[in-house]
């Protein structure tokens, strides 16, 4: 939801400030999320999040990909990102592990890379 996106962006900005590092906000647009397939309200939330991230000095990137985890890892390798920050899912840990999900795929795809994955709460 939009509030959790805002909280995630703000927390990521604080982390980047603490580590004095460049940071990115990445949106991976899958074929099912093309502009004609998502609600105008969702597009507005997305643009508001991009604007907030830019105000907080993030480099905002919007890329297309079929696999969100693969696109994230490819982007991280290209930009030499050391840490990927994700919002904590709103489902239980065991349910999360049972599902085919982004986190599980990111862990698999970064297994042999020097990229850390940090999961933070979406709440303030």
N, C-alpha and C. Protein backbone atom coordinates (compact mmCIF):
# COMPACT_ATOMS: atom_id res chain seq x y z
N UNK A 1 0.84 -1.19 0.00
CA UNK A 1 0.00 0.00 0.00
C UNK A 1 0.88 1.24 0.00
N UNK A 2 0.28 2.38 -0.22
CA UNK A 2 1.06 3.60 -0.41
C UNK A 2 1.78 4.03 0.87
N UNK A 3 1.14 3.85 2.03
CA UNK A 3 1.77 4.27 3.29
C UNK A 3 3.01 3.43 3.58
N UNK A 4 2.93 2.13 3.34
CA UNK A 4 4.10 1.29 3.59
C UNK A 4 5.23 1.64 2.62
N UNK A 5 4.89 2.01 1.38
CA UNK A 5 5.91 2.44 0.43
C UNK A 5 6.61 3.70 0.89
N UNK A 6 5.84 4.66 1.40
CA UNK A 6 6.41 5.90 1.92
C UNK A 6 7.33 5.60 3.10
N UNK A 7 6.89 4.76 4.02
CA UNK A 7 7.71 4.41 5.19
C UNK A 7 9.00 3.71 4.76
N UNK A 8 8.91 2.81 3.80
CA UNK A 8 10.08 2.10 3.31
C UNK A 8 11.07 3.08 2.68
N UNK A 9 10.58 4.02 1.91
CA UNK A 9 11.44 5.02 1.28
C UNK A 9 12.12 5.88 2.34
N UNK A 10 11.36 6.34 3.31
CA UNK A 10 11.94 7.19 4.36
C UNK A 10 13.00 6.44 5.18
N UNK A 11 12.72 5.20 5.54
CA UNK A 11 13.70 4.42 6.30
C UNK A 11 14.95 4.15 5.47
N UNK A 12 14.77 3.87 4.19
CA UNK A 12 15.92 3.64 3.32
C UNK A 12 16.77 4.90 3.19
N UNK A 13 16.12 6.05 3.12
CA UNK A 13 16.85 7.32 3.05
C UNK A 13 17.68 7.52 4.31
N UNK A 14 17.10 7.20 5.46
CA UNK A 14 17.85 7.33 6.72
C UNK A 14 19.06 6.40 6.74
N UNK A 15 18.87 5.17 6.27
CA UNK A 15 19.99 4.23 6.22
C UNK A 15 21.09 4.73 5.30
N UNK A 16 20.71 5.24 4.14
CA UNK A 16 21.70 5.77 3.20
C UNK A 16 22.46 6.94 3.83
N UNK A 17 21.76 7.75 4.58
CA UNK A 17 22.39 8.88 5.26
C UNK A 17 23.37 8.39 6.33
N UNK A 18 22.96 7.42 7.11
CA UNK A 18 23.84 6.86 8.15
C UNK A 18 25.12 6.30 7.54
N UNK A 19 24.96 5.58 6.42
CA UNK A 19 26.12 4.95 5.77
C UNK A 19 26.79 5.88 4.76
N UNK A 20 26.24 7.10 4.63
CA UNK A 20 26.79 8.08 3.69
C UNK A 20 26.98 7.45 2.31
N UNK A 21 25.91 6.84 1.81
CA UNK A 21 26.02 6.13 0.54
C UNK A 21 24.93 6.55 -0.43
N UNK A 22 25.23 6.33 -1.69
CA UNK A 22 24.25 6.55 -2.75
C UNK A 22 23.17 5.48 -2.60
N UNK A 23 21.93 5.86 -2.94
CA UNK A 23 20.87 4.86 -2.85
C UNK A 23 19.90 5.01 -4.00
N UNK A 24 19.21 3.92 -4.26
CA UNK A 24 18.30 3.83 -5.39
C UNK A 24 16.92 3.39 -4.91
N UNK A 25 15.92 3.87 -5.61
CA UNK A 25 14.58 3.32 -5.49
C UNK A 25 14.29 2.70 -6.85
N UNK A 26 14.02 1.42 -6.84
CA UNK A 26 13.85 0.68 -8.09
C UNK A 26 12.42 0.16 -8.20
N UNK A 27 11.84 0.39 -9.36
CA UNK A 27 10.53 -0.19 -9.66
C UNK A 27 10.69 -1.08 -10.88
N UNK A 28 10.34 -2.34 -10.73
CA UNK A 28 10.39 -3.28 -11.85
C UNK A 28 8.97 -3.44 -12.37
N UNK A 29 8.78 -3.01 -13.60
CA UNK A 29 7.46 -3.10 -14.23
C UNK A 29 7.37 -4.41 -14.99
N UNK A 30 6.52 -5.31 -14.52
CA UNK A 30 6.31 -6.58 -15.21
C UNK A 30 5.25 -6.37 -16.29
N UNK A 31 5.14 -7.29 -17.24
CA UNK A 31 4.14 -7.13 -18.30
C UNK A 31 2.71 -6.91 -17.76
N UNK A 32 2.37 -7.54 -16.64
CA UNK A 32 1.01 -7.37 -16.11
C UNK A 32 0.82 -6.01 -15.43
N UNK A 33 1.91 -5.26 -15.25
CA UNK A 33 1.83 -3.94 -14.61
C UNK A 33 2.04 -2.80 -15.60
N UNK A 34 1.78 -3.05 -16.86
CA UNK A 34 1.90 -1.97 -17.83
C UNK A 34 0.86 -0.90 -17.49
N UNK A 35 1.12 0.36 -17.86
CA UNK A 35 0.21 1.45 -17.47
C UNK A 35 -1.26 1.20 -17.78
N UNK A 36 -1.54 0.51 -18.87
CA UNK A 36 -2.95 0.26 -19.19
C UNK A 36 -3.57 -0.83 -18.32
N UNK A 37 -2.74 -1.56 -17.57
CA UNK A 37 -3.24 -2.64 -16.73
C UNK A 37 -3.38 -2.30 -15.26
N UNK A 38 -2.88 -1.14 -14.84
CA UNK A 38 -3.00 -0.80 -13.42
C UNK A 38 -3.86 0.44 -13.24
N UNK A 39 -4.52 0.48 -12.11
CA UNK A 39 -5.45 1.57 -11.80
C UNK A 39 -4.73 2.92 -11.76
N UNK A 40 -5.45 3.96 -12.10
CA UNK A 40 -4.90 5.32 -12.06
C UNK A 40 -4.44 5.67 -10.64
N UNK A 41 -5.18 5.21 -9.63
CA UNK A 41 -4.80 5.51 -8.25
C UNK A 41 -3.45 4.86 -7.90
N UNK A 42 -3.23 3.64 -8.39
CA UNK A 42 -1.94 2.97 -8.15
C UNK A 42 -0.82 3.70 -8.87
N UNK A 43 -1.09 4.18 -10.08
CA UNK A 43 -0.08 4.95 -10.81
C UNK A 43 0.26 6.23 -10.06
N UNK A 44 -0.74 6.88 -9.47
CA UNK A 44 -0.50 8.10 -8.68
C UNK A 44 0.36 7.79 -7.46
N UNK A 45 0.06 6.69 -6.76
CA UNK A 45 0.87 6.30 -5.60
C UNK A 45 2.32 6.06 -6.02
N UNK A 46 2.49 5.40 -7.14
CA UNK A 46 3.82 5.12 -7.65
C UNK A 46 4.57 6.42 -7.95
N UNK A 47 3.91 7.34 -8.64
CA UNK A 47 4.55 8.62 -8.96
C UNK A 47 4.85 9.41 -7.69
N UNK A 48 3.94 9.39 -6.73
CA UNK A 48 4.19 10.08 -5.45
C UNK A 48 5.41 9.49 -4.75
N UNK A 49 5.54 8.16 -4.79
CA UNK A 49 6.70 7.52 -4.18
C UNK A 49 7.99 7.89 -4.92
N UNK A 50 7.94 7.93 -6.24
CA UNK A 50 9.11 8.35 -7.02
C UNK A 50 9.50 9.78 -6.65
N UNK A 51 8.51 10.66 -6.55
CA UNK A 51 8.79 12.06 -6.21
C UNK A 51 9.39 12.18 -4.82
N UNK A 52 8.84 11.45 -3.85
CA UNK A 52 9.39 11.47 -2.50
C UNK A 52 10.83 10.98 -2.50
N UNK A 53 11.08 9.88 -3.18
CA UNK A 53 12.43 9.32 -3.23
C UNK A 53 13.41 10.33 -3.84
N UNK A 54 13.00 11.00 -4.90
CA UNK A 54 13.86 12.01 -5.53
C UNK A 54 14.12 13.17 -4.57
N UNK A 55 13.09 13.59 -3.85
CA UNK A 55 13.25 14.67 -2.85
C UNK A 55 14.25 14.27 -1.77
N UNK A 56 14.28 12.98 -1.45
CA UNK A 56 15.19 12.47 -0.42
C UNK A 56 16.53 12.04 -1.02
N UNK A 57 16.77 12.46 -2.26
CA UNK A 57 18.05 12.29 -2.96
C UNK A 57 18.37 10.86 -3.39
N UNK A 58 17.34 10.08 -3.66
CA UNK A 58 17.56 8.76 -4.24
C UNK A 58 17.67 8.90 -5.75
N UNK A 59 18.38 7.98 -6.36
CA UNK A 59 18.32 7.83 -7.80
C UNK A 59 17.15 6.89 -8.05
N UNK A 60 16.16 7.36 -8.77
CA UNK A 60 14.96 6.57 -9.03
C UNK A 60 15.10 5.89 -10.38
N UNK A 61 14.88 4.59 -10.40
CA UNK A 61 14.99 3.83 -11.64
C UNK A 61 13.71 3.03 -11.85
N UNK A 62 13.29 3.02 -13.09
CA UNK A 62 12.11 2.25 -13.49
C UNK A 62 12.56 1.38 -14.65
N UNK A 63 12.51 0.07 -14.44
CA UNK A 63 12.94 -0.84 -15.49
C UNK A 63 11.84 -1.86 -15.76
N UNK A 64 11.93 -2.49 -16.91
CA UNK A 64 10.96 -3.53 -17.26
C UNK A 64 11.63 -4.89 -17.12
N UNK A 65 10.85 -5.86 -16.66
CA UNK A 65 11.37 -7.21 -16.52
C UNK A 65 10.26 -8.20 -16.29
N UNK A 66 10.50 -9.42 -16.69
CA UNK A 66 9.51 -10.48 -16.47
C UNK A 66 9.62 -11.03 -15.05
N UNK A 67 10.84 -11.07 -14.54
CA UNK A 67 11.09 -11.58 -13.18
C UNK A 67 11.59 -10.43 -12.32
N UNK A 68 10.83 -10.07 -11.30
CA UNK A 68 11.23 -8.97 -10.42
C UNK A 68 12.55 -9.29 -9.72
N UNK A 69 12.72 -10.47 -9.10
CA UNK A 69 13.99 -10.75 -8.44
C UNK A 69 15.19 -10.71 -9.39
N UNK A 70 15.05 -11.27 -10.58
CA UNK A 70 16.16 -11.26 -11.53
C UNK A 70 16.49 -9.84 -11.96
N UNK A 71 15.49 -9.02 -12.17
CA UNK A 71 15.72 -7.62 -12.56
C UNK A 71 16.41 -6.86 -11.43
N UNK A 72 15.99 -7.10 -10.19
CA UNK A 72 16.61 -6.43 -9.04
C UNK A 72 18.09 -6.80 -8.95
N UNK A 73 18.40 -8.08 -9.05
CA UNK A 73 19.78 -8.53 -8.92
C UNK A 73 20.63 -8.01 -10.09
N UNK A 74 20.10 -8.02 -11.29
CA UNK A 74 20.83 -7.49 -12.44
C UNK A 74 21.14 -6.01 -12.22
N UNK A 75 20.16 -5.25 -11.78
CA UNK A 75 20.34 -3.83 -11.50
C UNK A 75 21.40 -3.64 -10.41
N UNK A 76 21.31 -4.43 -9.35
CA UNK A 76 22.26 -4.33 -8.24
C UNK A 76 23.69 -4.61 -8.72
N UNK A 77 23.85 -5.60 -9.59
CA UNK A 77 25.18 -5.90 -10.11
C UNK A 77 25.70 -4.75 -10.97
N UNK A 78 24.84 -4.23 -11.84
CA UNK A 78 25.25 -3.13 -12.73
C UNK A 78 25.65 -1.89 -11.95
N UNK A 79 24.93 -1.59 -10.88
CA UNK A 79 25.17 -0.37 -10.09
C UNK A 79 26.11 -0.62 -8.91
N UNK A 80 26.59 -1.86 -8.78
CA UNK A 80 27.47 -2.24 -7.67
C UNK A 80 26.85 -1.94 -6.31
N UNK A 81 25.59 -2.33 -6.19
CA UNK A 81 24.84 -2.16 -4.95
C UNK A 81 25.30 -3.21 -3.94
N UNK A 82 25.52 -2.80 -2.70
CA UNK A 82 25.96 -3.73 -1.67
C UNK A 82 24.83 -4.27 -0.81
N UNK A 83 23.71 -3.53 -0.75
CA UNK A 83 22.59 -3.94 0.10
C UNK A 83 21.28 -3.69 -0.63
N UNK A 84 20.44 -4.69 -0.66
CA UNK A 84 19.08 -4.57 -1.19
C UNK A 84 18.16 -4.46 0.02
N UNK A 85 17.35 -3.42 0.06
CA UNK A 85 16.42 -3.21 1.17
C UNK A 85 15.01 -3.52 0.71
N UNK A 86 14.33 -4.37 1.45
CA UNK A 86 12.95 -4.75 1.15
C UNK A 86 12.07 -4.47 2.36
N UNK A 87 10.81 -4.19 2.09
CA UNK A 87 9.84 -4.07 3.17
C UNK A 87 9.42 -5.46 3.63
N UNK A 88 9.18 -5.58 4.92
CA UNK A 88 8.75 -6.86 5.49
C UNK A 88 7.36 -7.22 4.97
N UNK A 89 7.18 -8.43 4.47
CA UNK A 89 5.85 -8.84 3.99
C UNK A 89 4.85 -8.87 5.13
N UNK A 90 3.59 -8.71 4.80
CA UNK A 90 2.52 -8.69 5.80
C UNK A 90 1.94 -10.08 6.06
N UNK A 91 2.73 -11.11 5.79
CA UNK A 91 2.28 -12.48 6.06
C UNK A 91 3.29 -13.15 6.98
N UNK A 92 2.91 -14.26 7.57
CA UNK A 92 3.78 -14.96 8.50
C UNK A 92 5.02 -15.53 7.83
N UNK A 93 6.06 -15.73 8.64
CA UNK A 93 7.34 -16.20 8.13
C UNK A 93 7.21 -17.56 7.45
N UNK A 94 6.52 -18.51 8.07
CA UNK A 94 6.40 -19.84 7.47
C UNK A 94 5.60 -19.80 6.18
N UNK A 95 4.55 -18.98 6.17
CA UNK A 95 3.77 -18.83 4.93
C UNK A 95 4.64 -18.21 3.84
N UNK A 96 5.46 -17.25 4.24
CA UNK A 96 6.37 -16.59 3.30
C UNK A 96 7.34 -17.61 2.69
N UNK A 97 7.89 -18.48 3.53
CA UNK A 97 8.83 -19.49 3.03
C UNK A 97 8.16 -20.49 2.11
N UNK A 98 6.90 -20.79 2.37
CA UNK A 98 6.19 -21.78 1.57
C UNK A 98 5.84 -21.25 0.18
N UNK A 99 5.70 -19.96 0.06
CA UNK A 99 5.32 -19.37 -1.22
C UNK A 99 6.53 -19.19 -2.13
N UNK A 100 6.24 -19.17 -3.43
CA UNK A 100 7.27 -18.76 -4.39
C UNK A 100 7.25 -17.24 -4.34
N UNK A 101 8.29 -16.64 -3.81
CA UNK A 101 8.23 -15.21 -3.59
C UNK A 101 9.54 -14.51 -3.91
N UNK A 102 9.48 -13.21 -3.92
CA UNK A 102 10.62 -12.38 -4.27
C UNK A 102 11.78 -12.61 -3.32
N UNK A 103 11.52 -12.62 -2.02
CA UNK A 103 12.61 -12.78 -1.06
C UNK A 103 13.35 -14.09 -1.26
N UNK A 104 12.61 -15.17 -1.38
CA UNK A 104 13.23 -16.48 -1.57
C UNK A 104 14.10 -16.49 -2.83
N UNK A 105 13.58 -15.91 -3.90
CA UNK A 105 14.34 -15.86 -5.15
C UNK A 105 15.56 -14.94 -5.04
N UNK A 106 15.42 -13.82 -4.32
CA UNK A 106 16.57 -12.93 -4.13
C UNK A 106 17.68 -13.63 -3.35
N UNK A 107 17.30 -14.36 -2.33
CA UNK A 107 18.30 -15.10 -1.55
C UNK A 107 19.03 -16.10 -2.45
N UNK A 108 18.28 -16.80 -3.26
CA UNK A 108 18.88 -17.78 -4.17
C UNK A 108 19.80 -17.09 -5.18
N UNK A 109 19.34 -15.99 -5.76
CA UNK A 109 20.10 -15.30 -6.81
C UNK A 109 21.34 -14.57 -6.29
N UNK A 110 21.36 -14.24 -5.01
CA UNK A 110 22.51 -13.51 -4.46
C UNK A 110 23.42 -14.42 -3.63
N UNK A 111 23.13 -15.69 -3.63
CA UNK A 111 23.87 -16.64 -2.79
C UNK A 111 25.39 -16.51 -2.96
N UNK A 112 25.86 -16.36 -4.18
CA UNK A 112 27.30 -16.31 -4.44
C UNK A 112 27.79 -14.89 -4.73
N UNK A 113 27.02 -13.90 -4.34
CA UNK A 113 27.39 -12.50 -4.58
C UNK A 113 27.62 -11.80 -3.24
N UNK A 114 28.30 -10.67 -3.29
CA UNK A 114 28.52 -9.89 -2.06
C UNK A 114 27.44 -8.82 -1.94
N UNK A 115 26.21 -9.26 -2.02
CA UNK A 115 25.05 -8.37 -1.87
C UNK A 115 24.26 -8.85 -0.65
N UNK A 116 24.06 -7.94 0.30
CA UNK A 116 23.25 -8.25 1.47
C UNK A 116 21.79 -7.92 1.19
N UNK A 117 20.91 -8.60 1.88
CA UNK A 117 19.48 -8.32 1.79
C UNK A 117 19.01 -7.91 3.18
N UNK A 118 18.45 -6.73 3.27
CA UNK A 118 17.98 -6.18 4.53
C UNK A 118 16.46 -6.05 4.46
N UNK A 119 15.78 -6.66 5.41
CA UNK A 119 14.32 -6.60 5.46
C UNK A 119 13.94 -5.69 6.62
N UNK A 120 13.18 -4.64 6.30
CA UNK A 120 12.80 -3.70 7.35
C UNK A 120 11.29 -3.59 7.44
N UNK A 121 10.84 -3.18 8.60
CA UNK A 121 9.41 -3.01 8.84
C UNK A 121 8.87 -1.88 7.97
N UNK A 122 7.66 -2.05 7.48
CA UNK A 122 7.01 -1.00 6.69
C UNK A 122 6.35 0.05 7.58
N UNK A 123 6.40 -0.16 8.88
CA UNK A 123 5.76 0.76 9.82
C UNK A 123 6.75 1.81 10.28
N UNK A 124 6.23 2.93 10.74
CA UNK A 124 7.11 4.01 11.20
C UNK A 124 7.83 3.64 12.46
